[in-house]
Protein backbone atom coordinates (compact mmCIF):
# COMPACT_ATOMS: atom_id res chain seq x y z
CA MET A 1 76.86 102.32 100.37
CA ILE A 2 78.46 101.15 97.38
CA SER A 3 77.65 102.61 93.96
CA ALA A 4 76.27 100.44 91.28
CA ASP A 5 79.62 101.46 89.19
CA THR A 6 81.95 100.52 91.83
CA GLN A 7 80.23 97.23 92.32
CA ALA A 8 80.40 96.37 88.57
CA LYS A 9 84.09 97.25 88.65
CA TRP A 10 84.57 94.87 91.72
CA GLN A 11 82.75 92.13 89.47
CA LYS A 12 85.18 92.69 86.82
CA VAL A 13 87.93 92.21 89.26
CA MET A 14 86.49 89.02 90.78
CA ALA A 15 86.19 87.68 86.96
CA LYS A 16 89.68 88.55 86.16
CA LEU A 17 90.85 86.76 89.33
CA LYS A 18 88.76 83.68 88.48
CA GLU A 19 90.60 83.64 85.11
CA GLU A 20 94.04 83.78 86.55
CA ILE A 21 93.87 81.60 89.49
CA LYS A 22 92.99 77.77 89.76
CA PRO A 23 89.35 76.94 90.33
CA SER A 24 90.05 75.29 93.52
CA SER A 25 92.27 78.31 94.78
CA TYR A 26 89.78 80.75 93.66
CA ASP A 27 87.05 78.82 95.62
CA MET A 28 89.04 78.58 98.67
CA TRP A 29 90.51 82.04 98.94
CA PHE A 30 88.26 84.60 96.56
CA SER A 31 84.88 83.20 96.12
CA LYS A 32 83.55 84.64 99.49
CA LEU A 33 85.07 87.72 99.68
CA LYS A 34 82.80 90.96 99.63
CA LEU A 35 83.55 94.56 98.98
CA HIS A 36 82.87 96.36 101.96
CA ASP A 37 83.78 100.06 100.67
CA ALA A 38 85.85 101.67 97.98
CA THR A 39 87.77 104.81 97.55
CA GLU A 40 89.87 106.16 94.79
CA SER A 41 92.96 104.49 96.22
CA LYS A 42 91.97 101.77 98.57
CA LEU A 43 89.30 98.77 98.47
CA THR A 44 88.23 97.40 101.69
CA LEU A 45 87.19 93.64 101.76
CA ILE A 46 85.50 91.56 104.11
CA ALA A 47 86.48 87.74 104.60
CA GLU A 48 85.24 85.11 106.74
CA SER A 49 88.43 84.94 109.05
CA ASN A 50 91.45 86.60 109.95
CA PHE A 51 93.35 83.52 108.56
CA ILE A 52 92.12 84.08 104.93
CA ILE A 53 92.83 87.72 105.28
CA ASN A 54 96.51 87.06 106.23
CA SER A 55 96.69 84.27 103.52
CA LEU A 56 95.53 86.60 100.86
CA ARG A 57 98.16 89.21 101.92
CA THR A 58 100.68 86.60 102.11
CA LEU A 59 100.05 84.35 99.16
CA TYR A 60 97.91 86.49 96.50
CA ARG A 61 98.68 90.05 97.10
CA SER A 62 100.42 90.60 93.82
CA VAL A 63 97.95 88.65 91.86
CA LEU A 64 94.87 90.68 93.88
CA ASP A 65 96.69 94.08 92.91
CA GLY A 66 97.27 93.18 89.36
CA ALA A 67 93.66 92.40 89.17
CA ILE A 68 92.43 95.81 90.37
CA THR A 69 94.78 97.95 88.46
């Protein structure tokens, strides 16, 4: 189970992404992401499909990394 503190941090990451990305892109790629697990050095996310996962890795990895750090 994810702690309330970790969940709050994830919500801050999502808010940061929402500010940095066009609304249509956020809705398409990020709005349905779910936090599955978190450690000190890794977040495990759930997406609706492998296509979304691969697209995030290719198109938005640096943006996502920036929002997390």
